[in-house]
Amino acid sequence: MRWPSGFVALLLLTIIILSYTLQRVEFKFKIYGNFRNHLEAAWAATGNGVSSSVRPTKDGTLYHLEMEWSKKEKEIKNILQELDQLMPNVTFRDIKTVTSAKNSQATIVNRQDAYCVGDHLAVRLDLYDHVGKRKEHGGDFLQARIYSLNLEAGASGLVQDHGNGTYLVDFTLFWEGNVSVSLLLIHPSEAVSALWRARKKGYDKIGFTGKFLNGTSAVNTECGFKLNRSLELCAYLDERDQEAFYCVKSKNVPCEAFVSLKSYNTPISYLTALERTLLTRSNVGVQIPHVLGDIRVVSCKSELNKPASEKCTFGVNVPFPSGFVWQNQWHPLSCDLRAFDTVDHLTTCLKGKLVYLLGDSTGRQWIESLTRRVHTLRYLDSHGAGKHKNLIAVDLAQNIQIQWRKHHHPLVTGHEYLVTDHSYIAQEIDKVAGDEATAVIIAIGQHFRPFPLELFLRRALNVRSAIRRLLLRSPGTKVVLKGENVRELDVDQERFSDFHGYAQYLAVKEIFQDLNVVFIDAWDMTVAYGTNNVHPPDHVVWNEIKMFLNSIC
């Protein structure tokens, strides 16, 4: 039997079309499958097998997301590897082999009868253990500072680790007078190694209690980044940025009824009993004894000169230390700060400005400080509740608006706060239209310390992407990163140690180094001021704000 030639041609054309269509379908399913795999891999740390409502969109969209996710994961891995190389990897079985501040020695390398303002003071540290044996490796977490109490002056020192138990501390002598030296062993290398290892192990050192409404009744349930996958969970996902948070779903209570959250410290520790002894208050922030005496600094013709600058600029790549305290005022090395010491000066600078403060309570301190000084700034009722409600302050006559919004998960606090009035910082930045009268200040870090560093790195990278998008659509918008500050030495060190904050500080400087943003080095400032408080005193906060004001006016 012979088929008509026209029919054969039509049959062949149909086969070709079907083959092409099947290939396209297979290709799309492959993309979607890779998309889901990538999403699950990115959230693997949560340990939850919860499906999301993601659906493939237009051709190329998911491929672009996959590429962005892949780049992000690679960058996170690279930063972690770089930090790993900086960290000691030591174990100990006897407290006697641990670095001892009491037995360690400090020596001035370049001893002089007097130094000129602008000269450098070099101090060598030789560290020993508790039986007087010289340490043969580095990795100790040290904090160095010079100060003059009568002048209300201070500055950070730059610590160089030689990797063999010897450290060189470089101080710049910024002011005239007698100068004292403080050398603190915050943590011995053995504690640093233990803290770094323990931080990698889990998300469960902090627990979260979520409140849901079932009609008019409140229902509490467990929430967190990692929950029992055998339970039915409510998944709160940001697919684009790979952010995830979960709550155990209560029976007959919809996931959309999530109202508020609070946190608590769990009894979980990833340290041994011997390692925990290194983190008791008596073993944290111990002064290394020395007989250096007062350092005499005099005025000379070769005094430190600041470069002339029409406008202060503070980038991420500034040298350390970036400035010093004198007469209780911060003096950056890059320029002379204007004081903004009258209400008229303040309102003139802020006139017509829209200022967004996004992040933790160290950013909230800014709006509180500004409203205390500018009495025409009045708070609006944001209809929030509790200590962590969003704040909005306005001066209608001068067209000034300042608002603070807390960042999204994690917020570590025993005070209950709403989860419906804020979102991730990247999402908040995406809502900013931006112009030359708009400023965005970002402050994150403290609440991430109890969790694996990947969580903070992913959040910082997402913020960076959002800043890039903002500056593309509005290059004139001023973006400010307020760095993390040091805090109390008597807190739970496994969760909140300044060592964790310092790792994040280094990561921030790496992640944002190529962006055109203002960087306020609160770490350097609070070490120089000698304040160990998660919420620095108002005079320190005000000097942070002055740096911001000098960058926009």
Protein backbone atom coordinates (compact mmCIF):
# COMPACT_ATOMS: atom_id res chain seq x y z
CA MET A 1 0.00 0.00 0.00
CA ARG A 2 1.42 3.40 -1.00
CA TRP A 3 0.77 6.52 1.07
CA PRO A 4 0.08 9.76 -0.85
CA SER A 5 3.25 11.91 -0.96
CA GLY A 6 1.37 14.87 0.59
CA PHE A 7 0.32 12.77 3.55
CA VAL A 8 3.91 11.53 4.09
CA ALA A 9 5.22 15.10 4.06
CA LEU A 10 2.55 16.18 6.55
CA LEU A 11 3.40 13.20 8.79
CA LEU A 12 7.12 14.06 8.77
CA LEU A 13 6.38 17.71 9.57
CA THR A 14 4.19 16.64 12.49
CA ILE A 15 6.94 14.39 13.86
CA ILE A 16 9.47 17.23 13.64
CA ILE A 17 7.15 19.65 15.44
CA LEU A 18 6.35 17.12 18.18
CA SER A 19 10.04 16.35 18.64
CA TYR A 20 10.88 20.05 18.99
CA THR A 21 8.02 20.60 21.43
CA LEU A 22 9.06 17.67 23.60
CA GLN A 23 12.63 18.95 23.69
CA ARG A 24 11.38 22.38 24.79
CA VAL A 25 9.21 20.83 27.51
CA GLU A 26 12.09 18.67 28.68
CA PHE A 27 14.37 21.74 28.72
CA LYS A 28 11.86 23.75 30.78
CA PHE A 29 11.38 20.91 33.24
CA LYS A 30 15.14 20.61 33.53
CA ILE A 31 15.40 24.33 34.33
CA TYR A 32 12.58 24.10 36.86
CA GLY A 33 14.10 21.00 38.41
CA ASN A 34 17.44 22.72 38.75
CA PHE A 35 15.66 25.74 40.21
CA ARG A 36 14.01 23.66 42.91
CA ASN A 37 17.22 21.74 43.60
CA HIS A 38 19.12 24.97 43.98
CA LEU A 39 16.46 26.36 46.29
CA GLU A 40 16.53 23.25 48.44
CA ALA A 41 20.33 23.21 48.47
CA ALA A 42 20.44 26.84 49.53
CA TRP A 43 18.14 26.06 52.44
CA ALA A 44 19.75 22.73 53.27
CA ALA A 45 21.08 24.21 56.49
CA THR A 46 17.52 24.50 57.75
CA GLY A 47 17.02 20.76 57.45
CA ASN A 48 13.40 21.21 56.35
CA GLY A 49 11.88 19.46 53.38
CA VAL A 50 9.11 22.01 52.93
CA SER A 51 7.93 22.69 49.42
CA SER A 52 7.37 26.24 48.23
CA SER A 53 4.88 27.75 45.83
CA VAL A 54 7.50 28.60 43.21
CA ARG A 55 6.41 28.24 39.60
CA PRO A 56 8.45 28.67 36.42
CA THR A 57 8.01 32.06 34.80
CA LYS A 58 9.14 33.45 31.47
CA ASP A 59 11.96 31.83 29.54
CA GLY A 60 15.33 32.77 30.98
CA THR A 61 14.08 34.07 34.33
CA LEU A 62 14.81 30.92 36.25
CA TYR A 63 18.11 30.45 34.48
CA HIS A 64 19.10 33.96 35.58
CA LEU A 65 18.10 33.18 39.17
CA GLU A 66 20.11 29.96 39.06
CA MET A 67 23.15 31.85 37.91
CA GLU A 68 22.73 34.44 40.68
CA TRP A 69 22.26 31.72 43.31
CA SER A 70 25.32 29.88 42.08
CA LYS A 71 27.45 33.04 42.25
CA LYS A 72 26.15 33.80 45.74
CA GLU A 73 26.88 30.32 47.07
CA LYS A 74 30.36 30.45 45.58
CA GLU A 75 31.05 33.82 47.19
CA ILE A 76 29.79 32.60 50.57
CA LYS A 77 32.08 29.58 50.29
CA ASN A 78 35.07 31.74 49.35
CA ILE A 79 34.54 34.16 52.24
CA LEU A 80 34.22 31.28 54.70
CA GLN A 81 37.43 29.76 53.34
CA GLU A 82 39.25 33.10 53.70
CA LEU A 83 38.07 33.43 57.30
CA ASP A 84 38.97 29.79 58.00
CA GLN A 85 42.54 30.56 57.02
CA LEU A 86 42.65 33.36 59.61
CA MET A 87 41.35 31.18 62.44
CA PRO A 88 43.47 28.95 64.67
CA ASN A 89 42.73 25.24 64.62
CA VAL A 90 43.96 24.08 68.00
CA THR A 91 42.74 21.73 70.70
CA PHE A 92 43.74 21.45 74.32
CA ARG A 93 43.28 19.02 77.19
CA ASP A 94 44.81 21.04 79.99
CA ILE A 95 44.03 24.64 80.93
CA LYS A 96 47.72 25.11 81.71
CA THR A 97 48.60 24.99 78.00
CA VAL A 98 46.22 27.87 77.16
CA THR A 99 47.44 31.42 76.55
CA SER A 100 47.81 33.35 79.80
CA ALA A 101 47.51 37.12 79.81
CA LYS A 102 49.21 37.27 83.22
CA ASN A 103 52.32 35.44 82.00
CA SER A 104 52.61 37.29 78.70
CA GLN A 105 54.95 40.21 78.07
CA ALA A 106 54.72 43.59 76.32
CA THR A 107 57.77 45.51 75.15
CA ILE A 108 58.13 48.83 73.36
CA VAL A 109 60.16 48.25 70.22
CA ASN A 110 60.93 51.90 69.44
CA ARG A 111 61.45 53.34 72.92
CA GLN A 112 62.01 57.12 73.02
CA ASP A 113 62.00 59.74 75.75
CA ALA A 114 59.34 61.63 73.79
CA TYR A 115 57.39 61.14 70.57
CA CYS A 116 55.99 63.66 68.14
CA VAL A 117 52.29 63.85 67.35
CA GLY A 118 51.86 61.63 64.30
CA ASP A 119 54.68 59.24 65.26
CA HIS A 120 54.06 55.53 65.65
CA LEU A 121 54.49 53.51 68.82
CA ALA A 122 55.38 49.85 68.22
CA VAL A 123 54.68 47.35 71.00
CA ARG A 124 55.74 43.72 70.79
CA LEU A 125 53.67 41.08 72.56
CA ASP A 126 55.16 37.71 73.47
CA LEU A 127 52.46 35.35 74.71
CA TYR A 128 52.98 32.49 77.14
CA ASP A 129 50.79 29.75 78.58
CA HIS A 130 49.88 29.24 82.25
CA VAL A 131 53.10 27.36 83.05
CA GLY A 132 55.29 30.00 81.45
CA LYS A 133 55.95 28.21 78.17
CA ARG A 134 56.14 30.43 75.10
CA LYS A 135 53.22 29.99 72.69
CA GLU A 136 54.25 28.66 69.30
CA HIS A 137 51.15 29.62 67.30
CA GLY A 138 48.97 32.68 66.86
CA GLY A 139 45.22 33.15 66.64
CA ASP A 140 44.62 34.92 69.97
CA PHE A 141 41.88 37.56 69.87
CA LEU A 142 43.41 40.79 71.15
CA GLN A 143 42.16 44.33 71.56
CA ALA A 144 44.64 47.20 71.74
CA ARG A 145 43.97 50.82 72.66
CA ILE A 146 45.81 53.98 73.70
CA TYR A 147 44.09 56.61 75.81
CA SER A 148 44.50 59.74 77.92
CA LEU A 149 41.77 59.98 80.54
CA ASN A 150 42.36 63.65 81.36
CA LEU A 151 42.02 64.57 77.67
CA GLU A 152 39.06 62.22 77.02
CA ALA A 153 41.15 60.79 74.18
CA GLY A 154 41.55 57.30 72.74
CA ALA A 155 42.50 55.35 69.62
CA SER A 156 42.58 51.75 68.43
CA GLY A 157 45.81 49.89 67.78
CA LEU A 158 46.50 47.72 64.75
CA VAL A 159 47.42 44.17 65.81
CA GLN A 160 49.61 42.07 63.52
CA ASP A 161 49.73 38.33 64.20
CA HIS A 162 53.09 36.77 63.32
CA GLY A 163 51.65 33.27 63.76
CA ASN A 164 54.23 32.14 66.32
CA GLY A 165 52.93 33.58 69.59
CA THR A 166 54.39 37.01 68.84
CA TYR A 167 52.27 40.05 67.92
CA LEU A 168 53.23 43.55 66.87
CA VAL A 169 50.82 46.32 67.84
CA ASP A 170 51.09 49.60 65.94
CA PHE A 171 49.68 52.75 67.54
CA THR A 172 49.52 56.15 65.86
CA LEU A 173 50.07 58.91 68.41
CA PHE A 174 47.37 61.35 67.42
CA TRP A 175 47.44 63.89 70.28
CA GLU A 176 49.84 65.71 72.58
CA GLY A 177 50.14 64.64 76.22
CA ASN A 178 50.82 61.53 78.30
CA VAL A 179 49.38 58.40 76.71
CA SER A 180 48.58 55.05 78.38
CA VAL A 181 48.36 51.65 76.70
CA SER A 182 45.68 48.97 77.14
CA LEU A 183 46.33 45.45 75.83
CA LEU A 184 43.44 43.03 76.34
CA LEU A 185 43.44 39.31 75.69
CA ILE A 186 39.75 38.96 74.80
CA HIS A 187 40.08 35.25 74.03
CA PRO A 188 43.08 32.91 73.90
CA SER A 189 43.58 31.09 70.60
CA GLU A 190 42.13 27.92 72.14
CA ALA A 191 38.85 29.72 72.87
CA VAL A 192 38.83 31.31 69.41
CA SER A 193 39.22 27.90 67.80
CA ALA A 194 36.42 26.46 69.94
CA LEU A 195 34.05 29.39 69.22
CA TRP A 196 34.69 29.21 65.48
CA ARG A 197 34.04 25.46 65.43
CA ALA A 198 30.91 25.75 67.60
CA ARG A 199 29.40 28.53 65.49
CA LYS A 200 29.34 26.28 62.45
CA LYS A 201 27.32 23.56 64.13
CA GLY A 202 23.74 24.69 64.42
CA TYR A 203 20.92 27.20 64.47
CA ASP A 204 19.46 25.94 67.74
CA LYS A 205 21.34 27.95 70.39
CA ILE A 206 18.47 30.43 70.08
CA GLY A 207 14.82 29.33 70.15
CA PHE A 208 11.82 31.28 68.88
CA THR A 209 8.22 31.27 70.08
CA GLY A 210 5.67 32.41 67.52
CA LYS A 211 2.16 33.61 68.36
CA PHE A 212 -0.71 32.82 66.01
CA LEU A 213 -4.35 33.84 66.30
CA ASN A 214 -7.07 31.22 66.23
CA GLY A 215 -10.12 33.41 66.15
CA THR A 216 -9.72 35.52 69.26
CA SER A 217 -7.45 33.06 71.04
CA ALA A 218 -3.65 33.12 70.89
CA VAL A 219 -1.76 29.93 70.05
CA ASN A 220 1.99 29.69 70.67
CA THR A 221 4.23 27.42 68.66
CA GLU A 222 7.89 26.73 68.01
CA CYS A 223 9.62 28.67 65.23
CA GLY A 224 13.14 28.84 63.85
CA PHE A 225 15.52 28.29 60.98
CA LYS A 226 15.74 24.55 61.57
CA LEU A 227 12.80 22.51 62.83
CA ASN A 228 11.78 18.86 62.93
CA ARG A 229 11.00 17.98 59.31
CA SER A 230 8.53 15.28 60.34
CA LEU A 231 6.17 17.97 61.65
CA GLU A 232 3.79 20.02 59.53
CA LEU A 233 5.43 23.39 59.10
CA CYS A 234 4.50 26.87 58.00
CA ALA A 235 7.24 28.02 55.62
CA TYR A 236 7.94 31.73 55.22
CA LEU A 237 10.18 31.90 52.19
CA ASP A 238 11.81 34.55 50.06
CA GLU A 239 12.58 32.56 46.93
CA ARG A 240 14.57 35.26 45.14
CA ASP A 241 16.99 35.85 48.01
CA GLN A 242 16.93 32.30 49.45
CA GLU A 243 15.75 33.38 52.88
CA ALA A 244 13.70 30.94 54.95
CA PHE A 245 12.01 30.83 58.36
CA TYR A 246 9.62 28.21 59.74
CA CYS A 247 7.02 27.66 62.44
CA VAL A 248 5.37 24.45 63.53
CA LYS A 249 1.81 24.56 62.20
CA SER A 250 -0.88 24.29 64.86
CA LYS A 251 -3.98 22.29 64.08
CA ASN A 252 -6.76 24.34 62.45
CA VAL A 253 -4.64 27.51 62.55
CA PRO A 254 -3.66 28.91 59.13
CA CYS A 255 -0.05 29.94 58.52
CA GLU A 256 -1.30 33.41 57.58
CA ALA A 257 -2.39 33.97 61.22
CA PHE A 258 1.25 34.50 62.31
CA VAL A 259 1.25 37.64 64.50
CA SER A 260 4.35 38.02 66.67
CA LEU A 261 7.60 36.45 67.76
CA LYS A 262 10.09 36.43 70.61
CA SER A 263 13.27 34.49 71.33
CA TYR A 264 15.04 32.74 74.19
CA ASN A 265 18.41 31.13 74.80
CA THR A 266 18.21 27.36 74.65
CA PRO A 267 20.37 25.15 76.90
CA ILE A 268 22.22 23.84 73.83
CA SER A 269 25.99 24.30 73.69
CA TYR A 270 28.53 22.97 71.21
CA LEU A 271 31.45 23.54 73.57
CA THR A 272 32.99 21.07 75.97
CA ALA A 273 32.95 21.77 79.69
CA LEU A 274 36.68 22.54 79.54
CA GLU A 275 36.20 24.97 76.65
CA ARG A 276 33.42 26.77 78.51
CA THR A 277 35.80 27.53 81.38
CA LEU A 278 37.76 29.75 78.97
CA LEU A 279 34.64 31.89 78.48
CA THR A 280 33.85 32.72 82.10
CA ARG A 281 34.03 36.46 82.79
CA SER A 282 37.34 36.20 84.65
CA ASN A 283 38.94 34.73 81.52
CA VAL A 284 37.51 37.21 79.01
CA GLY A 285 39.11 40.57 78.26
CA VAL A 286 42.07 40.11 80.61
CA GLN A 287 44.66 42.89 80.70
CA ILE A 288 48.17 41.87 79.66
CA PRO A 289 50.34 43.40 82.39
CA HIS A 290 53.11 45.73 81.32
CA VAL A 291 55.47 48.38 82.68
CA LEU A 292 55.41 50.57 79.61
CA GLY A 293 54.52 53.63 81.68
CA ASP A 294 53.08 56.80 80.23
CA ILE A 295 54.13 57.58 76.70
CA ARG A 296 55.10 61.26 76.37
CA VAL A 297 53.89 62.89 73.16
CA VAL A 298 54.85 66.45 72.25
CA SER A 299 54.02 68.85 69.47
CA CYS A 300 56.53 68.85 66.60
CA LYS A 301 56.67 70.41 63.16
CA SER A 302 56.05 66.99 61.66
CA GLU A 303 52.60 66.74 63.20
CA LEU A 304 49.94 64.68 61.48
CA ASN A 305 48.20 66.79 58.84
CA LYS A 306 44.76 65.97 57.50
CA PRO A 307 44.13 66.37 53.79
CA ALA A 308 41.99 69.34 52.82
CA SER A 309 38.55 68.19 51.79
CA GLU A 310 35.47 70.10 50.79
CA LYS A 311 33.26 67.24 51.85
CA CYS A 312 33.95 64.29 54.13
CA THR A 313 33.97 60.90 52.47
CA PHE A 314 34.11 57.64 54.38
CA GLY A 315 34.51 54.55 52.21
CA VAL A 316 34.75 50.89 53.17
CA ASN A 317 38.45 50.72 52.34
CA VAL A 318 39.66 53.32 54.86
CA PRO A 319 42.82 52.43 56.81
CA PHE A 320 42.65 51.16 60.38
CA PRO A 321 42.50 53.04 62.65
CA SER A 322 40.22 55.40 60.76
CA GLY A 323 40.33 58.15 63.38
CA PHE A 324 40.69 58.92 67.07
CA VAL A 325 38.82 60.42 70.03
CA TRP A 326 39.95 63.72 71.52
CA GLN A 327 37.97 65.79 74.03
CA ASN A 328 35.28 63.12 73.70
CA GLN A 329 34.78 63.93 70.00
CA TRP A 330 35.56 61.64 67.08
CA HIS A 331 38.15 62.91 64.63
CA PRO A 332 38.34 60.93 61.36
CA LEU A 333 41.65 61.00 59.53
CA SER A 334 40.10 61.91 56.19
CA CYS A 335 38.72 65.34 57.10
CA ASP A 336 37.59 67.73 59.83
CA LEU A 337 34.04 67.05 60.96
CA ARG A 338 31.62 69.92 61.25
CA ALA A 339 30.11 69.92 64.71
CA PHE A 340 26.40 70.41 63.94
CA ASP A 341 26.20 71.71 67.49
CA THR A 342 23.11 73.89 67.04
CA VAL A 343 19.54 73.02 66.12
CA ASP A 344 19.72 75.45 63.19
CA HIS A 345 22.72 73.63 61.73
CA LEU A 346 20.95 70.30 62.13
CA THR A 347 17.65 71.35 60.59
CA THR A 348 19.41 73.10 57.71
CA CYS A 349 21.25 69.88 56.89
CA LEU A 350 18.18 67.66 57.25
CA LYS A 351 15.74 70.02 55.54
CA GLY A 352 13.82 68.22 52.78
CA LYS A 353 15.52 64.90 53.61
CA LEU A 354 13.96 61.44 53.75
CA VAL A 355 16.08 59.16 55.95
CA TYR A 356 15.55 55.40 56.24
CA LEU A 357 17.18 53.60 59.17
CA LEU A 358 17.03 49.84 58.54
CA GLY A 359 18.30 47.18 60.89
CA ASP A 360 18.87 46.61 64.57
CA SER A 361 18.48 48.76 67.68
CA THR A 362 21.90 50.40 67.24
CA GLY A 363 20.26 52.10 64.26
CA ARG A 364 17.19 52.91 66.34
CA GLN A 365 19.53 54.84 68.65
CA TRP A 366 20.09 57.29 65.78
CA ILE A 367 16.45 58.35 65.50
CA GLU A 368 16.21 58.55 69.29
CA SER A 369 19.32 60.77 69.45
CA LEU A 370 18.12 63.03 66.62
CA THR A 371 14.66 63.57 68.14
CA ARG A 372 16.25 64.53 71.47
CA ARG A 373 18.27 67.24 69.73
CA VAL A 374 15.75 68.47 67.17
CA HIS A 375 12.60 69.15 69.20
CA THR A 376 10.56 69.94 66.08
CA LEU A 377 10.91 66.29 65.05
CA ARG A 378 7.74 64.61 66.33
CA TYR A 379 6.96 60.91 66.39
CA LEU A 380 3.95 59.71 64.45
CA ASP A 381 1.86 56.85 65.78
CA SER A 382 3.03 53.86 63.75
CA HIS A 383 0.31 51.70 65.36
CA GLY A 384 2.92 49.20 66.45
CA ALA A 385 3.35 47.66 69.86
CA GLY A 386 6.20 46.93 72.22
CA LYS A 387 9.81 47.97 72.42
CA HIS A 388 10.62 47.06 68.83
CA LYS A 389 7.83 48.86 67.01
CA ASN A 390 8.75 50.85 63.92
CA LEU A 391 9.42 54.56 64.47
CA ILE A 392 8.59 57.54 62.26
CA ALA A 393 9.58 61.12 63.13
CA VAL A 394 8.66 64.15 61.02
CA ASP A 395 9.17 67.91 60.96
CA LEU A 396 6.42 69.15 58.66
CA ALA A 397 7.70 72.73 58.50
CA GLN A 398 11.16 71.62 57.34
CA ASN A 399 9.89 68.62 55.32
CA ILE A 400 12.06 66.17 57.27
CA GLN A 401 11.09 62.52 57.64
CA ILE A 402 13.15 59.90 59.50
CA GLN A 403 11.99 56.34 59.98
CA TRP A 404 13.43 53.24 61.61
CA ARG A 405 12.42 49.70 60.72
CA LYS A 406 13.79 46.59 62.38
CA HIS A 407 15.31 43.91 60.23
CA HIS A 408 13.65 40.56 59.63
CA HIS A 409 14.62 37.17 61.12
CA PRO A 410 16.60 36.78 63.29
CA LEU A 411 15.67 39.34 65.92
CA VAL A 412 17.01 38.01 69.21
CA THR A 413 14.95 39.48 72.04
CA GLY A 414 12.77 38.33 74.88
CA HIS A 415 10.36 41.16 74.05
CA GLU A 416 7.47 40.17 71.81
CA TYR A 417 7.41 41.98 68.45
CA LEU A 418 5.14 42.02 65.42
CA VAL A 419 6.23 40.10 62.33
CA THR A 420 3.80 41.80 59.96
CA ASP A 421 5.15 45.37 59.92
CA HIS A 422 8.60 44.79 58.44
CA SER A 423 10.51 42.57 56.01
CA TYR A 424 14.03 41.69 54.95
CA ILE A 425 16.28 44.72 54.44
CA ALA A 426 16.78 43.90 50.76
CA GLN A 427 13.01 44.06 50.26
CA GLU A 428 12.81 47.35 52.16
CA ILE A 429 15.55 48.85 49.97
CA ASP A 430 13.69 47.70 46.85
CA LYS A 431 10.74 49.86 47.94
CA VAL A 432 12.88 53.02 48.12
CA ALA A 433 12.40 55.27 45.11
CA GLY A 434 15.48 57.27 45.98
CA ASP A 435 16.81 60.71 45.00
CA GLU A 436 19.48 63.15 46.14
CA ALA A 437 17.40 64.01 49.19
CA THR A 438 17.11 60.39 50.31
CA ALA A 439 19.49 58.48 52.58
CA VAL A 440 19.41 54.81 53.56
CA ILE A 441 21.34 53.72 56.66
CA ILE A 442 21.81 50.00 57.30
CA ALA A 443 22.85 48.48 60.64
CA ILE A 444 22.99 44.70 61.00
CA GLY A 445 25.17 42.24 62.87
CA GLN A 446 24.46 41.81 66.58
CA HIS A 447 21.44 39.51 66.16
CA PHE A 448 23.31 37.19 63.79
CA ARG A 449 26.13 36.33 66.16
CA PRO A 450 24.49 33.19 67.66
CA PHE A 451 23.95 31.58 64.23
CA PRO A 452 26.21 30.00 61.59
CA LEU A 453 28.01 32.70 59.63
CA GLU A 454 26.39 31.60 56.35
CA LEU A 455 23.14 33.21 57.52
CA PHE A 456 24.81 36.61 57.95
CA LEU A 457 26.80 36.32 54.71
CA ARG A 458 23.70 35.53 52.67
CA ARG A 459 21.85 38.46 54.24
CA ALA A 460 24.76 40.84 53.58
CA LEU A 461 25.03 39.70 49.96
CA ASN A 462 21.30 40.20 49.47
CA VAL A 463 21.61 43.70 50.91
CA ARG A 464 24.49 44.40 48.54
CA SER A 465 22.39 43.32 45.55
CA ALA A 466 19.54 45.57 46.69
CA ILE A 467 21.93 48.52 47.09
CA ARG A 468 23.20 47.95 43.57
CA ARG A 469 19.64 47.98 42.25
CA LEU A 470 18.91 51.16 44.20
CA LEU A 471 21.99 52.96 42.89
CA LEU A 472 21.17 51.91 39.32
CA ARG A 473 17.74 53.53 39.46
CA SER A 474 18.84 56.40 41.71
CA PRO A 475 22.60 57.10 41.73
CA GLY A 476 22.12 60.18 43.90
CA THR A 477 20.73 58.28 46.88
CA LYS A 478 23.15 58.24 49.81
CA VAL A 479 23.70 54.75 51.26
CA VAL A 480 25.39 54.35 54.63
CA LEU A 481 26.61 51.16 56.30
CA LYS A 482 26.94 51.50 60.05
CA GLY A 483 29.40 48.84 61.12
CA GLU A 484 28.98 46.59 64.11
CA ASN A 485 30.24 47.82 67.49
CA VAL A 486 31.87 45.99 70.38
CA ARG A 487 29.68 45.00 73.29
CA GLU A 488 29.72 43.82 76.92
CA LEU A 489 32.32 41.29 78.03
CA ASP A 490 29.99 39.61 80.54
CA VAL A 491 27.46 38.27 78.01
CA ASP A 492 27.11 34.64 76.92
CA GLN A 493 30.29 34.37 74.89
CA GLU A 494 29.31 31.30 72.88
CA ARG A 495 26.39 33.24 71.44
CA PHE A 496 27.38 36.91 71.54
CA SER A 497 31.16 37.18 71.78
CA ASP A 498 32.84 40.12 70.06
CA PHE A 499 34.87 37.50 68.24
CA HIS A 500 31.72 36.59 66.28
CA GLY A 501 31.13 40.28 65.62
CA TYR A 502 34.69 40.75 64.41
CA ALA A 503 34.33 37.90 61.90
CA GLN A 504 31.21 39.66 60.57
CA TYR A 505 33.04 43.01 60.55
CA LEU A 506 35.77 41.52 58.34
CA ALA A 507 33.13 39.96 56.06
CA VAL A 508 31.28 43.28 55.64
CA LYS A 509 34.48 45.05 54.59
CA GLU A 510 35.05 42.33 52.01
CA ILE A 511 31.49 42.21 50.66
CA PHE A 512 30.89 45.95 50.29
CA GLN A 513 34.39 47.09 49.31
CA ASP A 514 33.50 47.93 45.69
CA LEU A 515 30.28 49.84 46.39
CA ASN A 516 29.94 53.62 46.48
CA VAL A 517 28.66 53.71 50.05
CA VAL A 518 29.56 55.52 53.26
CA PHE A 519 31.04 53.21 55.91
CA ILE A 520 30.90 54.27 59.55
CA ASP A 521 33.42 52.11 61.37
CA ALA A 522 31.61 51.73 64.67
CA TRP A 523 34.01 48.92 65.66
CA ASP A 524 37.00 51.25 65.49
CA MET A 525 35.07 54.04 67.20
CA THR A 526 33.80 52.01 70.16
CA VAL A 527 37.22 50.46 70.78
CA ALA A 528 38.75 53.96 70.73
CA TYR A 529 36.07 55.28 73.11
CA GLY A 530 36.54 52.25 75.36
CA THR A 531 32.81 51.51 75.48
CA ASN A 532 31.78 47.89 75.88
CA ASN A 533 28.05 48.22 75.45
CA VAL A 534 25.82 46.78 72.75
CA HIS A 535 24.06 50.17 72.87
CA PRO A 536 26.90 52.71 73.03
CA PRO A 537 26.32 55.86 75.10
CA ASP A 538 24.71 58.83 73.41
CA HIS A 539 27.92 60.81 72.90
CA VAL A 540 29.30 57.91 70.82
CA VAL A 541 26.08 57.55 68.84
CA TRP A 542 26.03 61.29 68.20
CA ASN A 543 29.53 61.15 66.73
CA GLU A 544 28.37 58.36 64.40
CA ILE A 545 25.49 60.59 63.32
CA LYS A 546 27.86 63.53 62.77
CA MET A 547 29.80 61.42 60.27
CA PHE A 548 26.56 60.73 58.42
CA LEU A 549 25.59 64.42 58.45
CA ASN A 550 29.01 65.42 57.13
CA SER A 551 28.62 62.98 54.27
CA ILE A 552 25.31 64.47 53.09
CA CYS A 553 25.71 68.20 53.85
